[in-house]
Amino acid sequence: MTDIAARNRRNKRAGARWEAELRNELRAAGFDIERLRLTGAEDEGDHVVRRDEPARHRRFLIIETKNAQFQPGPFLKEALRERDNYARHRGLDPREVEVVVIVRRRGASWRDAYVLTTVGEFFDLPAEAA
């Protein structure tokens, strides 16, 4: 096995541990969070948080987690596509599903990870006409 392959496997395991810690800690904090299964081209994100406060938030929050070099544009594009997949597979309006990307910060607690979204998503603005 090459050094690169070994390093990639170590990084993948570290990312999986960090993702599990994030999920477990959010669950311990009272959030209804569930791991989503990988479905290839129809992937729906890494986690979903179900909310029972629709007046304050959308009903569902899709979380795409990243343990990789910081690339906000591609990360958000992937997360928005996965949000749409999640909504379509469940017959939901995508406007009922919020999406964020949580990016691990090296050497920092899960609480200090970056959370990415767009202005339109954050403020729940209607989509612009093309």
N, C-alpha and C. Protein backbone atom coordinates (compact mmCIF):
# COMPACT_ATOMS: atom_id res chain seq x y z
N MET A 1 0.84 -1.17 0.00
CA MET A 1 0.00 0.00 0.00
C MET A 1 0.89 1.24 0.00
N THR A 2 0.48 2.25 -0.74
CA THR A 2 1.28 3.47 -0.82
C THR A 2 1.01 4.36 0.38
N ASP A 3 1.92 5.28 0.61
CA ASP A 3 1.75 6.24 1.70
C ASP A 3 0.49 7.09 1.50
N ILE A 4 0.23 7.45 0.26
CA ILE A 4 -0.95 8.28 -0.05
C ILE A 4 -2.23 7.51 0.28
N ALA A 5 -2.31 6.25 -0.11
CA ALA A 5 -3.50 5.45 0.17
C ALA A 5 -3.70 5.30 1.68
N ALA A 6 -2.64 5.07 2.42
CA ALA A 6 -2.73 4.93 3.87
C ALA A 6 -3.19 6.24 4.50
N ARG A 7 -2.64 7.35 4.03
CA ARG A 7 -3.04 8.66 4.55
C ARG A 7 -4.51 8.94 4.25
N ASN A 8 -4.96 8.60 3.04
CA ASN A 8 -6.36 8.81 2.67
C ASN A 8 -7.29 7.99 3.57
N ARG A 9 -6.90 6.75 3.86
CA ARG A 9 -7.73 5.92 4.74
C ARG A 9 -7.77 6.49 6.16
N ARG A 10 -6.64 6.96 6.65
CA ARG A 10 -6.60 7.58 7.99
C ARG A 10 -7.48 8.82 8.03
N ASN A 11 -7.40 9.66 6.99
CA ASN A 11 -8.22 10.87 6.94
C ASN A 11 -9.70 10.53 6.89
N LYS A 12 -10.04 9.49 6.13
CA LYS A 12 -11.44 9.08 6.03
C LYS A 12 -11.96 8.59 7.38
N ARG A 13 -11.15 7.81 8.09
CA ARG A 13 -11.54 7.33 9.42
C ARG A 13 -11.68 8.50 10.40
N ALA A 14 -10.76 9.44 10.34
CA ALA A 14 -10.83 10.62 11.22
C ALA A 14 -12.09 11.42 10.92
N GLY A 15 -12.41 11.58 9.66
CA GLY A 15 -13.63 12.29 9.28
C GLY A 15 -14.88 11.58 9.77
N ALA A 16 -14.89 10.26 9.69
CA ALA A 16 -16.04 9.48 10.16
C ALA A 16 -16.19 9.61 11.67
N ARG A 17 -15.08 9.60 12.39
CA ARG A 17 -15.13 9.77 13.85
C ARG A 17 -15.66 11.15 14.21
N TRP A 18 -15.18 12.18 13.50
CA TRP A 18 -15.63 13.55 13.76
C TRP A 18 -17.12 13.68 13.46
N GLU A 19 -17.56 13.10 12.36
CA GLU A 19 -18.97 13.16 11.97
C GLU A 19 -19.84 12.47 13.03
N ALA A 20 -19.40 11.32 13.53
CA ALA A 20 -20.15 10.61 14.58
C ALA A 20 -20.18 11.44 15.87
N GLU A 21 -19.06 12.07 16.20
CA GLU A 21 -19.03 12.92 17.40
C GLU A 21 -20.01 14.07 17.26
N LEU A 22 -20.02 14.73 16.11
CA LEU A 22 -20.96 15.82 15.84
C LEU A 22 -22.39 15.35 16.04
N ARG A 23 -22.74 14.23 15.42
CA ARG A 23 -24.10 13.69 15.51
C ARG A 23 -24.45 13.34 16.96
N ASN A 24 -23.55 12.64 17.64
CA ASN A 24 -23.82 12.22 19.01
C ASN A 24 -23.96 13.40 19.96
N GLU A 25 -23.12 14.41 19.78
CA GLU A 25 -23.19 15.59 20.65
C GLU A 25 -24.45 16.41 20.39
N LEU A 26 -24.85 16.53 19.12
CA LEU A 26 -26.10 17.23 18.82
C LEU A 26 -27.29 16.47 19.40
N ARG A 27 -27.25 15.16 19.29
CA ARG A 27 -28.31 14.33 19.87
C ARG A 27 -28.35 14.52 21.40
N ALA A 28 -27.19 14.52 22.03
CA ALA A 28 -27.13 14.72 23.49
C ALA A 28 -27.65 16.11 23.89
N ALA A 29 -27.55 17.07 22.98
CA ALA A 29 -28.04 18.43 23.24
C ALA A 29 -29.54 18.55 22.98
N GLY A 30 -30.18 17.43 22.59
CA GLY A 30 -31.63 17.43 22.43
C GLY A 30 -32.13 17.53 21.00
N PHE A 31 -31.24 17.49 20.02
CA PHE A 31 -31.68 17.57 18.64
C PHE A 31 -32.08 16.19 18.12
N ASP A 32 -33.14 16.14 17.33
CA ASP A 32 -33.61 14.90 16.71
C ASP A 32 -32.85 14.75 15.39
N ILE A 33 -31.69 14.13 15.45
CA ILE A 33 -30.79 14.01 14.31
C ILE A 33 -30.62 12.55 13.93
N GLU A 34 -30.61 12.31 12.64
CA GLU A 34 -30.48 10.95 12.11
C GLU A 34 -29.46 10.94 10.98
N ARG A 35 -28.68 9.89 10.93
CA ARG A 35 -27.71 9.68 9.84
C ARG A 35 -28.48 9.25 8.61
N LEU A 36 -28.17 9.84 7.47
CA LEU A 36 -28.78 9.44 6.20
C LEU A 36 -27.84 8.49 5.48
N ARG A 37 -28.40 7.54 4.77
CA ARG A 37 -27.58 6.57 4.03
C ARG A 37 -27.09 7.17 2.73
N LEU A 38 -25.94 6.71 2.29
CA LEU A 38 -25.42 7.11 0.99
C LEU A 38 -26.25 6.45 -0.10
N THR A 39 -26.62 7.24 -1.09
CA THR A 39 -27.41 6.69 -2.19
C THR A 39 -26.84 7.09 -3.54
N GLY A 40 -25.53 7.27 -3.63
CA GLY A 40 -24.88 7.57 -4.90
C GLY A 40 -25.30 8.91 -5.47
N ALA A 41 -25.70 8.91 -6.73
CA ALA A 41 -26.10 10.14 -7.41
C ALA A 41 -27.33 10.77 -6.76
N GLU A 42 -28.09 9.97 -6.03
CA GLU A 42 -29.30 10.46 -5.37
C GLU A 42 -29.05 10.74 -3.89
N ASP A 43 -27.80 10.97 -3.50
CA ASP A 43 -27.44 11.21 -2.10
C ASP A 43 -28.29 12.34 -1.54
N GLU A 44 -28.63 12.21 -0.26
CA GLU A 44 -29.54 13.15 0.41
C GLU A 44 -28.85 13.95 1.51
N GLY A 45 -27.54 13.93 1.57
CA GLY A 45 -26.83 14.60 2.65
C GLY A 45 -26.38 13.59 3.68
N ASP A 46 -25.70 14.05 4.71
CA ASP A 46 -25.16 13.15 5.73
C ASP A 46 -26.12 12.95 6.90
N HIS A 47 -26.82 14.01 7.29
CA HIS A 47 -27.72 13.92 8.43
C HIS A 47 -28.97 14.75 8.16
N VAL A 48 -30.04 14.42 8.88
CA VAL A 48 -31.23 15.25 8.88
C VAL A 48 -31.60 15.53 10.32
N VAL A 49 -31.94 16.79 10.59
CA VAL A 49 -32.47 17.18 11.89
C VAL A 49 -33.94 17.49 11.66
N ARG A 50 -34.79 16.80 12.42
CA ARG A 50 -36.23 17.06 12.35
C ARG A 50 -36.58 18.08 13.43
N ARG A 51 -37.39 19.05 13.07
CA ARG A 51 -37.72 20.14 13.99
C ARG A 51 -39.22 20.18 14.21
N ASP A 52 -39.61 20.52 15.42
CA ASP A 52 -41.04 20.64 15.70
C ASP A 52 -41.43 22.09 15.99
N GLU A 53 -40.60 23.02 15.54
CA GLU A 53 -40.88 24.45 15.70
C GLU A 53 -40.96 25.11 14.32
N PRO A 54 -41.94 24.73 13.49
CA PRO A 54 -41.95 25.26 12.12
C PRO A 54 -42.13 26.77 12.04
N ALA A 55 -42.62 27.41 13.10
CA ALA A 55 -42.76 28.87 13.06
C ALA A 55 -41.39 29.54 13.04
N ARG A 56 -40.38 28.91 13.66
CA ARG A 56 -39.05 29.50 13.73
C ARG A 56 -38.11 28.96 12.66
N HIS A 57 -38.31 27.72 12.24
CA HIS A 57 -37.40 27.06 11.32
C HIS A 57 -38.20 26.24 10.31
N ARG A 58 -37.52 25.84 9.26
CA ARG A 58 -38.13 24.87 8.37
C ARG A 58 -38.20 23.52 9.08
N ARG A 59 -39.08 22.64 8.63
CA ARG A 59 -39.31 21.37 9.32
C ARG A 59 -38.09 20.46 9.36
N PHE A 60 -37.27 20.52 8.33
CA PHE A 60 -36.13 19.61 8.23
C PHE A 60 -34.87 20.42 7.94
N LEU A 61 -33.75 19.97 8.50
CA LEU A 61 -32.45 20.57 8.23
C LEU A 61 -31.53 19.47 7.75
N ILE A 62 -31.08 19.58 6.52
CA ILE A 62 -30.09 18.64 5.97
C ILE A 62 -28.71 19.18 6.29
N ILE A 63 -27.86 18.30 6.82
CA ILE A 63 -26.48 18.66 7.13
C ILE A 63 -25.56 17.83 6.24
N GLU A 64 -24.73 18.53 5.51
CA GLU A 64 -23.65 17.90 4.75
C GLU A 64 -22.38 18.19 5.53
N THR A 65 -21.67 17.16 5.96
CA THR A 65 -20.45 17.37 6.74
C THR A 65 -19.23 17.21 5.84
N LYS A 66 -18.21 18.01 6.13
CA LYS A 66 -16.98 17.97 5.34
C LYS A 66 -15.76 17.98 6.26
N ASN A 67 -14.86 17.07 5.99
CA ASN A 67 -13.56 17.01 6.65
C ASN A 67 -12.54 17.07 5.52
N ALA A 68 -12.47 18.22 4.88
CA ALA A 68 -11.65 18.36 3.67
C ALA A 68 -11.19 19.80 3.54
N GLN A 69 -10.35 20.03 2.54
CA GLN A 69 -9.90 21.39 2.24
C GLN A 69 -11.13 22.27 2.00
N PHE A 70 -11.12 23.46 2.55
CA PHE A 70 -12.25 24.38 2.52
C PHE A 70 -12.54 24.84 1.09
N GLN A 71 -13.71 24.43 0.56
CA GLN A 71 -14.14 24.79 -0.79
C GLN A 71 -15.63 25.14 -0.74
N PRO A 72 -15.98 26.34 -0.29
CA PRO A 72 -17.38 26.67 -0.04
C PRO A 72 -18.30 26.52 -1.25
N GLY A 73 -17.87 26.96 -2.43
CA GLY A 73 -18.74 26.87 -3.61
C GLY A 73 -19.16 25.44 -3.93
N PRO A 74 -18.20 24.54 -4.15
CA PRO A 74 -18.57 23.15 -4.43
C PRO A 74 -19.32 22.48 -3.27
N PHE A 75 -18.96 22.80 -2.03
CA PHE A 75 -19.65 22.21 -0.88
C PHE A 75 -21.13 22.59 -0.89
N LEU A 76 -21.41 23.88 -1.09
CA LEU A 76 -22.81 24.34 -1.08
C LEU A 76 -23.59 23.81 -2.27
N LYS A 77 -22.96 23.76 -3.44
CA LYS A 77 -23.64 23.22 -4.62
C LYS A 77 -24.07 21.78 -4.36
N GLU A 78 -23.18 20.97 -3.78
CA GLU A 78 -23.49 19.58 -3.46
C GLU A 78 -24.61 19.51 -2.42
N ALA A 79 -24.54 20.33 -1.39
CA ALA A 79 -25.54 20.30 -0.32
C ALA A 79 -26.92 20.69 -0.84
N LEU A 80 -27.00 21.69 -1.68
CA LEU A 80 -28.29 22.11 -2.24
C LEU A 80 -28.89 21.01 -3.11
N ARG A 81 -28.06 20.34 -3.90
CA ARG A 81 -28.54 19.22 -4.72
C ARG A 81 -29.06 18.09 -3.83
N GLU A 82 -28.34 17.81 -2.75
CA GLU A 82 -28.75 16.74 -1.85
C GLU A 82 -30.03 17.10 -1.10
N ARG A 83 -30.20 18.38 -0.76
CA ARG A 83 -31.44 18.83 -0.14
C ARG A 83 -32.62 18.58 -1.09
N ASP A 84 -32.43 18.92 -2.36
CA ASP A 84 -33.49 18.70 -3.35
C ASP A 84 -33.80 17.20 -3.48
N ASN A 85 -32.77 16.34 -3.45
CA ASN A 85 -33.00 14.89 -3.49
C ASN A 85 -33.81 14.43 -2.29
N TYR A 86 -33.45 14.90 -1.09
CA TYR A 86 -34.16 14.52 0.13
C TYR A 86 -35.64 14.90 0.00
N ALA A 87 -35.89 16.13 -0.41
CA ALA A 87 -37.27 16.60 -0.55
C ALA A 87 -38.03 15.79 -1.60
N ARG A 88 -37.43 15.59 -2.76
CA ARG A 88 -38.10 14.86 -3.85
C ARG A 88 -38.43 13.43 -3.44
N HIS A 89 -37.51 12.75 -2.77
CA HIS A 89 -37.74 11.35 -2.37
C HIS A 89 -38.87 11.22 -1.36
N ARG A 90 -39.21 12.30 -0.67
CA ARG A 90 -40.25 12.25 0.36
C ARG A 90 -41.50 13.03 -0.01
N GLY A 91 -41.53 13.54 -1.23
CA GLY A 91 -42.69 14.30 -1.68
C GLY A 91 -42.86 15.63 -0.95
N LEU A 92 -41.73 16.20 -0.52
CA LEU A 92 -41.75 17.47 0.20
C LEU A 92 -41.44 18.62 -0.74
N ASP A 93 -41.92 19.78 -0.39
CA ASP A 93 -41.52 21.00 -1.07
C ASP A 93 -40.11 21.33 -0.57
N PRO A 94 -39.15 21.57 -1.45
CA PRO A 94 -37.79 21.90 -0.99
C PRO A 94 -37.75 23.09 -0.03
N ARG A 95 -38.77 23.95 -0.08
CA ARG A 95 -38.80 25.09 0.84
C ARG A 95 -39.06 24.66 2.28
N GLU A 96 -39.45 23.40 2.48
CA GLU A 96 -39.63 22.87 3.84
C GLU A 96 -38.30 22.33 4.40
N VAL A 97 -37.27 22.31 3.57
CA VAL A 97 -36.01 21.67 3.95
C VAL A 97 -34.88 22.69 3.87
N GLU A 98 -34.28 22.97 5.01
CA GLU A 98 -33.14 23.87 5.08
C GLU A 98 -31.87 23.04 4.89
N VAL A 99 -30.79 23.69 4.50
CA VAL A 99 -29.54 22.96 4.28
C VAL A 99 -28.36 23.78 4.76
N VAL A 100 -27.41 23.10 5.39
CA VAL A 100 -26.14 23.71 5.77
C VAL A 100 -25.02 22.72 5.50
N VAL A 101 -23.83 23.26 5.37
CA VAL A 101 -22.61 22.45 5.30
C VAL A 101 -21.85 22.75 6.58
N ILE A 102 -21.44 21.70 7.29
CA ILE A 102 -20.62 21.88 8.48
C ILE A 102 -19.23 21.36 8.14
N VAL A 103 -18.25 22.27 8.23
CA VAL A 103 -16.87 21.97 7.83
C VAL A 103 -16.00 21.91 9.07
N ARG A 104 -15.33 20.79 9.24
CA ARG A 104 -14.45 20.59 10.39
C ARG A 104 -13.29 21.58 10.36
N ARG A 105 -12.99 22.10 11.53
CA ARG A 105 -11.80 22.94 11.69
C ARG A 105 -10.72 22.10 12.33
N ARG A 106 -9.60 21.98 11.70
CA ARG A 106 -8.49 21.18 12.21
C ARG A 106 -8.10 21.64 13.61
N GLY A 107 -7.98 20.69 14.52
CA GLY A 107 -7.53 20.98 15.86
C GLY A 107 -8.55 21.67 16.75
N ALA A 108 -9.79 21.77 16.29
CA ALA A 108 -10.82 22.47 17.06
C ALA A 108 -11.96 21.51 17.42
N SER A 109 -12.71 21.88 18.42
CA SER A 109 -13.87 21.12 18.84
C SER A 109 -14.94 21.11 17.74
N TRP A 110 -15.80 20.12 17.80
CA TRP A 110 -16.92 20.07 16.85
C TRP A 110 -17.77 21.33 16.97
N ARG A 111 -17.81 21.94 18.15
CA ARG A 111 -18.60 23.16 18.35
C ARG A 111 -18.02 24.35 17.58
N ASP A 112 -16.76 24.27 17.20
CA ASP A 112 -16.10 25.37 16.50
C ASP A 112 -15.99 25.14 15.00
N ALA A 113 -16.70 24.14 14.50
CA ALA A 113 -16.71 23.90 13.05
C ALA A 113 -17.41 25.07 12.35
N TYR A 114 -17.11 25.23 11.08
CA TYR A 114 -17.76 26.27 10.28
C TYR A 114 -19.11 25.77 9.78
N VAL A 115 -20.08 26.67 9.73
CA VAL A 115 -21.39 26.36 9.17
C VAL A 115 -21.58 27.26 7.95
N LEU A 116 -21.80 26.64 6.80
CA LEU A 116 -21.96 27.39 5.54
C LEU A 116 -23.38 27.27 5.03
N THR A 117 -23.87 28.37 4.51
CA THR A 117 -25.13 28.38 3.78
C THR A 117 -25.09 29.60 2.87
N THR A 118 -26.16 29.86 2.18
CA THR A 118 -26.23 31.04 1.32
C THR A 118 -27.12 32.09 1.99
N VAL A 119 -27.03 33.31 1.55
CA VAL A 119 -27.89 34.38 2.06
C VAL A 119 -29.36 34.02 1.80
N GLY A 120 -29.64 33.52 0.59
CA GLY A 120 -31.01 33.13 0.26
C GLY A 120 -31.56 32.07 1.18
N GLU A 121 -30.73 31.05 1.48
CA GLU A 121 -31.16 29.99 2.39
C GLU A 121 -31.31 30.52 3.81
N PHE A 122 -30.36 31.29 4.28
CA PHE A 122 -30.37 31.77 5.66
C PHE A 122 -31.59 32.63 5.95
N PHE A 123 -31.92 33.54 5.01
CA PHE A 123 -33.04 34.44 5.21
C PHE A 123 -34.34 33.94 4.57
N ASP A 124 -34.30 32.71 4.02
CA ASP A 124 -35.49 32.10 3.42
C ASP A 124 -36.09 32.98 2.33
N LEU A 125 -35.22 33.49 1.44
CA LEU A 125 -35.65 34.34 0.35
C LEU A 125 -36.15 33.52 -0.82
N PRO A 126 -37.13 34.00 -1.55
CA PRO A 126 -37.59 33.27 -2.74
C PRO A 126 -36.48 33.24 -3.80
N ALA A 127 -36.50 32.21 -4.60
CA ALA A 127 -35.50 32.07 -5.68
C ALA A 127 -35.72 33.17 -6.71
N GLU A 128 -34.62 33.66 -7.25
CA GLU A 128 -34.70 34.67 -8.31
C GLU A 128 -35.08 34.01 -9.61
N ALA A 129 -35.81 34.74 -10.43
CA ALA A 129 -36.14 34.24 -11.77
C ALA A 129 -34.86 34.20 -12.59
N ALA A 130 -34.71 33.14 -13.38
CA ALA A 130 -33.48 32.96 -14.17
C ALA A 130 -33.39 33.94 -15.30
